[in-house]
């Protein structure tokens, strides 16, 4: 089996338009949550979201491309470009026939879907754009990245709701591990903050109606009341170790474990005993050949909903046993909200940076401890701590769970 390492990162988030800016936002406890600007929220209980800010698409694309491409694909392409540039990969040092793209989205071009359905209903079917389908379908972020970069390897989009991009990273890791590709850009993107999607999440009572930005997304806090929708894109470059060493690449971290399971329980609610999440973590640890006490940090799914945070707490404790008391846990959704299909990739990048810089991100805006969520939480201030092994958890609607494990690289 081949070893797989991370050699490039790209990220657009509600707290930064590059990976560097976003990580600096984490270090400075920056909160990217603010009032929704995309539509009038007068008739909505939900008033807050986490939007990307001051990102000028005209700096990256021509007007024609912007009009023909959904927002979720545009930010995915930008993150992929950043990651590839960061990695130093080019056609002189890499066979692009063995460069894959595993980039997911949970919902896809939802803004396009909403817009074109409105057009069909108000102006008639003849006015629906001929580009509606290629702009809206969920595989297009991966497809558009492959077209933009000229990647000719396997290109897929794994859709498992909020676990989508963690599954993509995990499956990309497995693909390289088997020697099927040399390099894969893996991650996720989401840009689905529009009337219809917010209405759907609101009516299922998943979103918070809190109007105080500092108390809206508060994972593991006893007063948590739902998640805050965010948008963004995160892409990492996964590379076969020998390929990376041969070209003198900078190695951020090594991927050592991946586990995925299903709850087989409910379309939206996690299994109350956390069994599915537990088995995903256990599978990842078995793949990595590590013991619970070897894990330094877990970036939890931590959505700020009552059920998720409670069941994930149970799952972590059941997975780690007594070791849970010494393993640091935090959720960065207090900073960036819930990026849905892009959440796992974004949080994986934060794990990678945590390993590289020896800093554990904090769960910001945490005030009221919940005795049922009694993990070893890092709260309000980042913790300076050497991190050798970090795990990232993602739990999606449909009971689809994924865990990925990164380790500090050593020869």
Protein backbone atom coordinates (compact mmCIF):
# COMPACT_ATOMS: atom_id res chain seq x y z
CA UNK A 1 0.00 0.00 0.00
CA UNK A 2 1.19 3.50 -0.86
CA UNK A 3 1.56 6.26 1.72
CA UNK A 4 -0.54 9.39 1.15
CA UNK A 5 0.46 12.92 2.13
CA UNK A 6 -1.02 16.42 1.93
CA UNK A 7 1.03 18.80 -0.20
CA UNK A 8 -1.36 21.67 -0.92
CA UNK A 9 -4.34 23.45 0.61
CA UNK A 10 -6.90 25.93 -0.70
CA UNK A 11 -9.77 27.46 1.22
CA UNK A 12 -12.44 30.13 0.89
CA UNK A 13 -14.48 30.52 4.07
CA UNK A 14 -16.62 33.04 5.94
CA UNK A 15 -13.48 34.16 7.81
CA UNK A 16 -11.02 34.37 4.93
CA UNK A 17 -10.69 34.21 1.16
CA UNK A 18 -7.57 32.04 1.24
CA UNK A 19 -6.32 29.21 3.42
CA UNK A 20 -3.88 31.57 5.11
CA UNK A 21 -6.55 34.18 5.88
CA UNK A 22 -8.98 31.54 7.15
CA UNK A 23 -6.40 30.00 9.47
CA UNK A 24 -5.47 33.44 10.79
CA UNK A 25 -9.18 33.93 11.47
CA UNK A 26 -9.18 30.74 13.55
CA UNK A 27 -6.11 31.87 15.50
CA UNK A 28 -7.76 35.24 16.18
CA UNK A 29 -11.13 33.72 17.22
CA UNK A 30 -12.81 35.46 14.29
CA UNK A 31 -16.53 34.86 13.82
CA UNK A 32 -17.82 34.97 10.25
CA UNK A 33 -21.50 34.97 11.21
CA UNK A 34 -23.61 38.00 10.34
CA UNK A 35 -26.99 39.02 8.96
CA UNK A 36 -28.21 37.33 5.77
CA UNK A 37 -27.64 39.63 2.78
CA UNK A 38 -28.74 37.39 -0.09
CA UNK A 39 -32.48 37.89 0.39
CA UNK A 40 -35.04 39.70 2.53
CA UNK A 41 -35.52 37.76 5.78
CA UNK A 42 -38.65 39.63 6.94
CA UNK A 43 -40.81 36.50 6.76
CA UNK A 44 -38.11 34.21 8.15
CA UNK A 45 -37.24 33.32 11.73
CA UNK A 46 -33.67 32.75 10.55
CA UNK A 47 -31.76 36.01 10.34
CA UNK A 48 -28.11 34.97 10.39
CA UNK A 49 -25.76 33.06 8.12
CA UNK A 50 -22.03 32.81 7.43
CA UNK A 51 -21.27 34.18 3.96
CA UNK A 52 -17.92 34.57 2.24
CA UNK A 53 -17.00 38.25 2.22
CA UNK A 54 -15.44 40.70 -0.20
CA UNK A 55 -14.71 37.98 -2.74
CA UNK A 56 -14.65 39.48 -6.22
CA UNK A 57 -15.34 36.79 -8.81
CA UNK A 58 -14.34 39.21 -11.60
CA UNK A 59 -10.77 38.96 -10.32
CA UNK A 60 -10.77 35.24 -11.17
CA UNK A 61 -13.16 34.73 -14.09
CA UNK A 62 -14.45 36.51 -17.17
CA UNK A 63 -18.07 37.71 -17.18
CA UNK A 64 -19.21 34.93 -19.50
CA UNK A 65 -17.87 32.21 -17.20
CA UNK A 66 -19.50 33.80 -14.16
CA UNK A 67 -22.89 33.84 -15.90
CA UNK A 68 -22.58 30.22 -17.04
CA UNK A 69 -21.33 28.74 -13.74
CA UNK A 70 -23.04 28.34 -10.38
CA UNK A 71 -21.51 30.00 -7.34
CA UNK A 72 -20.63 26.66 -5.74
CA UNK A 73 -18.48 25.74 -8.75
CA UNK A 74 -16.82 29.14 -8.96
CA UNK A 75 -15.54 29.05 -5.37
CA UNK A 76 -14.55 25.40 -5.79
CA UNK A 77 -12.42 26.25 -8.81
CA UNK A 78 -10.73 29.09 -6.92
CA UNK A 79 -9.92 26.84 -3.96
CA UNK A 80 -8.61 24.11 -6.25
CA UNK A 81 -6.38 26.62 -8.05
CA UNK A 82 -5.01 27.81 -4.72
CA UNK A 83 -4.36 24.25 -3.54
CA UNK A 84 -2.63 23.22 -6.78
CA UNK A 85 -0.48 26.36 -6.81
CA UNK A 86 0.40 25.79 -3.15
CA UNK A 87 1.46 22.22 -3.92
CA UNK A 88 3.81 23.21 -6.74
CA UNK A 89 2.33 20.56 -9.02
CA UNK A 90 2.55 21.28 -12.74
CA UNK A 91 2.69 19.38 -16.02
CA UNK A 92 6.47 19.21 -15.86
CA UNK A 93 6.57 17.24 -12.59
CA UNK A 94 3.23 15.38 -12.69
CA UNK A 95 1.37 13.22 -15.19
CA UNK A 96 -2.02 14.93 -15.40
CA UNK A 97 -3.51 11.67 -16.69
CA UNK A 98 -3.03 10.48 -13.09
CA UNK A 99 -4.31 13.68 -11.46
CA UNK A 100 -7.81 13.11 -10.09
CA UNK A 101 -10.52 15.39 -8.69
CA UNK A 102 -12.69 14.18 -5.80
CA UNK A 103 -14.67 17.31 -4.90
CA UNK A 104 -18.15 17.10 -3.41
CA UNK A 105 -21.11 19.28 -2.64
CA UNK A 106 -24.06 18.41 -0.46
CA UNK A 107 -26.69 20.32 -2.42
CA UNK A 108 -24.98 21.54 -5.60
CA UNK A 109 -26.14 24.54 -7.63
CA UNK A 110 -29.12 25.31 -5.45
CA UNK A 111 -29.17 29.00 -6.31
CA UNK A 112 -29.47 28.04 -9.97
CA UNK A 113 -32.24 25.54 -9.19
CA UNK A 114 -34.23 28.15 -7.27
CA UNK A 115 -33.75 30.79 -9.94
CA UNK A 116 -34.69 28.56 -12.88
CA UNK A 117 -37.74 27.06 -11.14
CA UNK A 118 -38.96 30.59 -10.49
CA UNK A 119 -38.39 31.47 -14.14
CA UNK A 120 -40.28 28.38 -15.30
CA UNK A 121 -43.23 29.10 -13.02
CA UNK A 122 -43.47 32.82 -13.80
CA UNK A 123 -42.28 33.13 -17.42
CA UNK A 124 -42.84 29.67 -18.86
CA UNK A 125 -40.76 26.66 -19.76
CA UNK A 126 -39.29 28.26 -22.89
CA UNK A 127 -37.44 30.76 -20.71
CA UNK A 128 -35.56 28.15 -18.68
CA UNK A 129 -31.84 28.39 -19.37
CA UNK A 130 -30.25 25.67 -21.52
CA UNK A 131 -27.43 25.78 -18.96
CA UNK A 132 -29.78 25.02 -16.05
CA UNK A 133 -28.84 21.34 -15.77
CA UNK A 134 -25.04 21.63 -16.07
CA UNK A 135 -25.08 24.55 -13.65
CA UNK A 136 -27.26 22.79 -11.10
CA UNK A 137 -26.14 19.16 -10.93
CA UNK A 138 -23.90 18.11 -8.04
CA UNK A 139 -21.00 16.64 -10.02
CA UNK A 140 -20.19 19.92 -11.75
CA UNK A 141 -17.81 21.41 -9.16
CA UNK A 142 -15.54 18.37 -9.65
CA UNK A 143 -16.11 18.44 -13.41
CA UNK A 144 -15.43 22.17 -13.67
CA UNK A 145 -12.22 21.86 -11.64
CA UNK A 146 -11.00 19.06 -13.90
CA UNK A 147 -11.78 21.16 -16.99
CA UNK A 148 -10.18 24.29 -15.53
CA UNK A 149 -6.97 22.55 -14.48
CA UNK A 150 -6.76 19.96 -17.24
CA UNK A 151 -6.92 17.05 -14.79
CA UNK A 152 -7.46 13.79 -16.69
CA UNK A 153 -7.60 11.25 -13.84
CA UNK A 154 -10.71 10.02 -12.04
CA UNK A 155 -13.22 12.78 -11.35
CA UNK A 156 -16.08 12.11 -8.93
CA UNK A 157 -18.43 13.89 -6.55
CA UNK A 158 -19.49 11.86 -3.54
CA UNK A 159 -22.74 13.17 -2.09
CA UNK A 160 -23.46 12.31 1.53
CA UNK A 161 -24.93 15.59 2.77
CA UNK A 162 -22.76 17.15 5.47
CA UNK A 163 -20.25 14.29 5.33
CA UNK A 164 -19.66 14.67 1.58
CA UNK A 165 -16.20 16.21 1.54
CA UNK A 166 -14.84 13.96 4.29
CA UNK A 167 -15.97 10.99 2.24
CA UNK A 168 -14.26 12.55 -0.79
CA UNK A 169 -10.98 12.98 1.07
CA UNK A 170 -11.22 9.45 2.44
CA UNK A 171 -12.01 7.84 -0.90
CA UNK A 172 -9.25 9.86 -2.57
CA UNK A 173 -6.83 8.62 0.09
CA UNK A 174 -7.89 5.03 -0.59
CA UNK A 175 -7.51 5.51 -4.35
CA UNK A 176 -3.93 6.79 -4.05
CA UNK A 177 -3.14 4.18 -1.41
CA UNK A 178 -4.06 1.49 -3.98
CA UNK A 179 -1.78 3.11 -6.57
CA UNK A 180 -4.60 4.09 -8.92
CA UNK A 181 -3.73 7.81 -9.05
CA UNK A 182 -0.58 9.80 -8.19
CA UNK A 183 -2.34 12.97 -7.08
CA UNK A 184 -5.95 13.89 -6.24
CA UNK A 185 -7.50 17.24 -5.43
CA UNK A 186 -10.03 16.36 -2.74
CA UNK A 187 -12.56 18.40 -0.82
CA UNK A 188 -15.91 20.09 -1.02
CA UNK A 189 -17.86 23.21 -1.81
CA UNK A 190 -21.21 24.73 -0.89
CA UNK A 191 -23.07 27.91 -1.76
CA UNK A 192 -26.72 27.22 -1.03
CA UNK A 193 -27.85 30.19 1.03
CA UNK A 194 -31.07 31.17 -0.71
CA UNK A 195 -34.75 31.48 0.21
CA UNK A 196 -35.76 27.93 -0.61
CA UNK A 197 -32.93 26.14 1.15
CA UNK A 198 -33.13 28.33 4.26
CA UNK A 199 -36.91 27.79 4.34
CA UNK A 200 -36.40 24.05 4.13
CA UNK A 201 -33.83 23.88 6.92
CA UNK A 202 -35.82 26.35 9.01
CA UNK A 203 -39.06 24.42 8.70
CA UNK A 204 -37.37 21.22 9.80
CA UNK A 205 -36.16 23.21 12.83
CA UNK A 206 -32.47 22.68 12.10
CA UNK A 207 -31.49 26.39 12.05
CA UNK A 208 -31.14 28.72 15.00
CA UNK A 209 -33.38 31.78 15.19
CA UNK A 210 -30.85 33.53 17.45
CA UNK A 211 -30.04 37.10 16.35
CA UNK A 212 -26.95 37.61 18.51
CA UNK A 213 -24.03 36.62 16.27
CA UNK A 214 -21.97 35.61 19.30
CA UNK A 215 -24.64 33.17 20.52
CA UNK A 216 -25.87 31.70 17.25
CA UNK A 217 -23.41 28.90 16.50
CA UNK A 218 -22.33 27.61 19.90
CA UNK A 219 -21.37 23.92 19.67
CA UNK A 220 -21.59 21.92 22.92
CA UNK A 221 -22.96 24.95 24.78
CA UNK A 222 -26.07 24.15 26.80
CA UNK A 223 -27.95 27.03 25.14
CA UNK A 224 -27.32 25.82 21.58
CA UNK A 225 -30.44 26.07 19.44
CA UNK A 226 -29.54 25.01 15.91
CA UNK A 227 -26.89 25.56 13.28
CA UNK A 228 -26.00 28.56 11.13
CA UNK A 229 -25.75 27.98 7.37
CA UNK A 230 -22.42 28.85 5.87
CA UNK A 231 -20.80 28.78 2.45
CA UNK A 232 -17.30 28.16 1.18
CA UNK A 233 -14.97 25.67 -0.44
CA UNK A 234 -11.98 23.68 0.78
CA UNK A 235 -9.64 21.59 -1.37
CA UNK A 236 -6.49 19.70 -0.40
CA UNK A 237 -3.90 18.07 -2.62
CA UNK A 238 -3.37 14.42 -1.70
CA UNK A 239 -0.27 12.88 -3.17
CA UNK A 240 1.52 9.54 -3.17
CA UNK A 241 4.53 9.94 -0.88
CA UNK A 242 7.26 8.88 -3.29
CA UNK A 243 5.82 11.18 -5.95
CA UNK A 244 5.86 14.08 -3.48
CA UNK A 245 9.40 13.37 -2.25
CA UNK A 246 10.75 13.00 -5.78
CA UNK A 247 9.66 16.50 -6.74
CA UNK A 248 10.72 18.02 -3.38
CA UNK A 249 7.23 18.95 -2.24
CA UNK A 250 6.40 20.57 1.07
CA UNK A 251 4.47 17.99 3.10
CA UNK A 252 1.88 19.37 5.52
CA UNK A 253 0.81 16.05 7.03
CA UNK A 254 0.15 12.41 6.25
CA UNK A 255 -3.28 10.80 5.93
CA UNK A 256 -3.19 7.58 7.94
CA UNK A 257 -6.79 6.51 8.52
CA UNK A 258 -10.32 6.69 7.18
CA UNK A 259 -13.58 5.14 8.30
CA UNK A 260 -17.14 5.41 7.03
CA UNK A 261 -20.42 3.92 8.25
CA UNK A 262 -24.20 4.32 8.18
CA UNK A 263 -26.52 4.68 11.15
CA UNK A 264 -29.32 2.86 9.37
CA UNK A 265 -31.66 4.77 11.67
CA UNK A 266 -33.36 7.99 10.45
CA UNK A 267 -33.30 10.46 7.54
CA UNK A 268 -32.16 13.41 9.67
CA UNK A 269 -31.68 12.43 13.33
CA UNK A 270 -28.48 10.68 14.38
CA UNK A 271 -28.74 7.36 16.20
CA UNK A 272 -29.19 8.29 19.89
CA UNK A 273 -26.44 5.94 21.04
CA UNK A 274 -23.94 7.44 18.59
CA UNK A 275 -23.20 3.96 17.30
CA UNK A 276 -22.71 4.95 13.67
CA UNK A 277 -20.28 7.75 14.48
CA UNK A 278 -18.46 5.48 16.94
CA UNK A 279 -17.94 2.78 14.32
CA UNK A 280 -16.67 5.33 11.79
CA UNK A 281 -14.06 6.55 14.26
CA UNK A 282 -13.13 2.99 15.19
CA UNK A 283 -12.70 2.05 11.53
CA UNK A 284 -10.48 5.08 10.96
CA UNK A 285 -8.37 4.18 13.99
CA UNK A 286 -8.08 0.57 12.86
CA UNK A 287 -6.99 1.73 9.41
CA UNK A 288 -4.42 4.03 11.03
CA UNK A 289 -3.27 1.31 13.46
CA UNK A 290 -3.46 3.67 16.42
CA UNK A 291 -4.83 3.51 19.95
CA UNK A 292 -7.26 6.07 21.46
CA UNK A 293 -4.58 7.63 23.66
CA UNK A 294 -2.47 8.45 20.59
CA UNK A 295 -5.03 10.96 19.30
CA UNK A 296 -4.19 14.52 20.32
CA UNK A 297 -7.10 16.44 18.81
CA UNK A 298 -10.56 15.81 17.36
CA UNK A 299 -12.27 18.44 15.24
CA UNK A 300 -15.85 17.44 15.99
CA UNK A 301 -18.76 17.72 13.61
CA UNK A 302 -20.24 19.86 16.41
CA UNK A 303 -23.13 21.53 14.60
CA UNK A 304 -24.66 23.39 17.57
CA UNK A 305 -27.84 21.35 17.41
CA UNK A 306 -28.98 19.58 20.55
CA UNK A 307 -29.04 16.07 19.07
CA UNK A 308 -25.78 16.19 17.12
CA UNK A 309 -23.60 17.50 19.91
CA UNK A 310 -25.09 15.12 22.45
CA UNK A 311 -24.80 11.99 20.31
CA UNK A 312 -21.32 12.93 19.09
CA UNK A 313 -20.24 13.33 22.70
CA UNK A 314 -21.54 9.84 23.44
CA UNK A 315 -19.81 8.48 20.35
CA UNK A 316 -16.44 10.03 21.20
CA UNK A 317 -16.57 8.77 24.78
CA UNK A 318 -17.56 5.26 23.70
CA UNK A 319 -14.81 5.22 21.07
CA UNK A 320 -11.98 6.50 23.23
CA UNK A 321 -12.95 5.01 26.59
CA UNK A 322 -11.12 6.67 29.48
CA UNK A 323 -8.72 8.30 27.01
CA UNK A 324 -11.46 10.83 26.10
CA UNK A 325 -10.54 12.82 29.19
CA UNK A 326 -7.15 13.68 27.69
CA UNK A 327 -8.04 14.09 24.01
CA UNK A 328 -8.73 17.71 23.08
CA UNK A 329 -11.97 18.40 21.20
CA UNK A 330 -13.33 21.51 19.52
CA UNK A 331 -15.76 22.58 16.82
CA UNK A 332 -14.80 25.38 14.43
CA UNK A 333 -18.42 25.88 13.36
CA UNK A 334 -18.56 28.71 15.89
CA UNK A 335 -16.21 30.57 13.52
CA UNK A 336 -17.63 29.64 10.14
CA UNK A 337 -21.09 28.19 10.66
CA UNK A 338 -22.02 24.93 8.96
CA UNK A 339 -20.67 24.69 5.43
CA UNK A 340 -22.74 21.55 4.74
CA UNK A 341 -20.98 19.61 1.97
CA UNK A 342 -17.82 21.71 2.38
CA UNK A 343 -17.69 21.36 6.17
CA UNK A 344 -15.51 18.24 6.28
CA UNK A 345 -12.88 19.61 3.90
CA UNK A 346 -12.69 22.92 5.73
CA UNK A 347 -12.33 21.20 9.08
CA UNK A 348 -9.75 18.79 7.67
CA UNK A 349 -7.65 21.81 6.66
CA UNK A 350 -7.91 23.15 10.19
CA UNK A 351 -6.68 19.77 11.48
CA UNK A 352 -3.76 19.87 9.04
CA UNK A 353 -2.80 23.39 10.12
CA UNK A 354 -3.17 22.36 13.75
CA UNK A 355 -0.57 19.65 13.17
CA UNK A 356 1.72 21.95 11.21
CA UNK A 357 1.69 24.83 13.69
CA UNK A 358 1.02 23.11 17.01
CA UNK A 359 -2.19 25.02 17.74
CA UNK A 360 -5.60 23.55 18.60
CA UNK A 361 -8.55 25.70 17.44
CA UNK A 362 -11.06 26.82 20.04
CA UNK A 363 -14.82 26.41 20.22
CA UNK A 364 -15.55 30.13 20.33
CA UNK A 365 -18.45 31.92 22.05
CA UNK A 366 -18.79 29.07 24.54
CA UNK A 367 -20.41 30.22 27.79
CA UNK A 368 -22.76 27.70 29.38
CA UNK A 369 -21.30 24.20 29.95
CA UNK A 370 -23.58 21.27 29.24
CA UNK A 371 -23.08 18.44 31.72
CA UNK A 372 -24.13 15.99 28.99
CA UNK A 373 -21.37 17.25 26.66
CA UNK A 374 -18.51 16.71 29.08
CA UNK A 375 -15.66 16.31 26.59
CA UNK A 376 -12.18 17.77 27.00
CA UNK A 377 -13.24 20.90 25.11
CA UNK A 378 -10.93 23.69 24.02
CA UNK A 379 -13.05 26.79 24.45
CA UNK A 380 -12.79 30.48 23.54
CA UNK A 381 -8.98 30.60 23.18
CA UNK A 382 -6.81 28.48 20.91
CA UNK A 383 -4.49 26.11 22.75
CA UNK A 384 -0.77 26.07 21.95
CA UNK A 385 -0.08 22.35 21.96
CA UNK A 386 2.01 19.96 19.88
CA UNK A 387 -0.34 17.88 17.74
CA UNK A 388 0.93 14.62 16.27
CA UNK A 389 -2.39 13.00 15.33
CA UNK A 390 -5.70 14.75 14.60
CA UNK A 391 -9.08 13.34 13.64
CA UNK A 392 -11.93 15.09 11.83
CA UNK A 393 -15.54 13.84 12.09
CA UNK A 394 -18.43 14.48 9.72
CA UNK A 395 -21.99 13.23 10.16
CA UNK A 396 -24.53 13.65 7.35
CA UNK A 397 -28.30 13.47 6.95
CA UNK A 398 -29.27 9.94 6.09
CA UNK A 399 -27.03 8.69 8.90
CA UNK A 400 -23.86 8.74 6.79
CA UNK A 401 -20.71 9.11 8.88
CA UNK A 402 -17.05 9.63 8.03
CA UNK A 403 -13.86 10.13 10.02
CA UNK A 404 -10.42 10.96 8.65
CA UNK A 405 -7.12 10.89 10.55
CA UNK A 406 -4.01 12.99 9.84
CA UNK A 407 -0.54 12.60 11.33
CA UNK A 408 2.57 14.74 11.47
CA UNK A 409 4.76 13.53 8.62
CA UNK A 410 7.96 11.64 9.37
CA UNK A 411 10.13 9.62 6.99
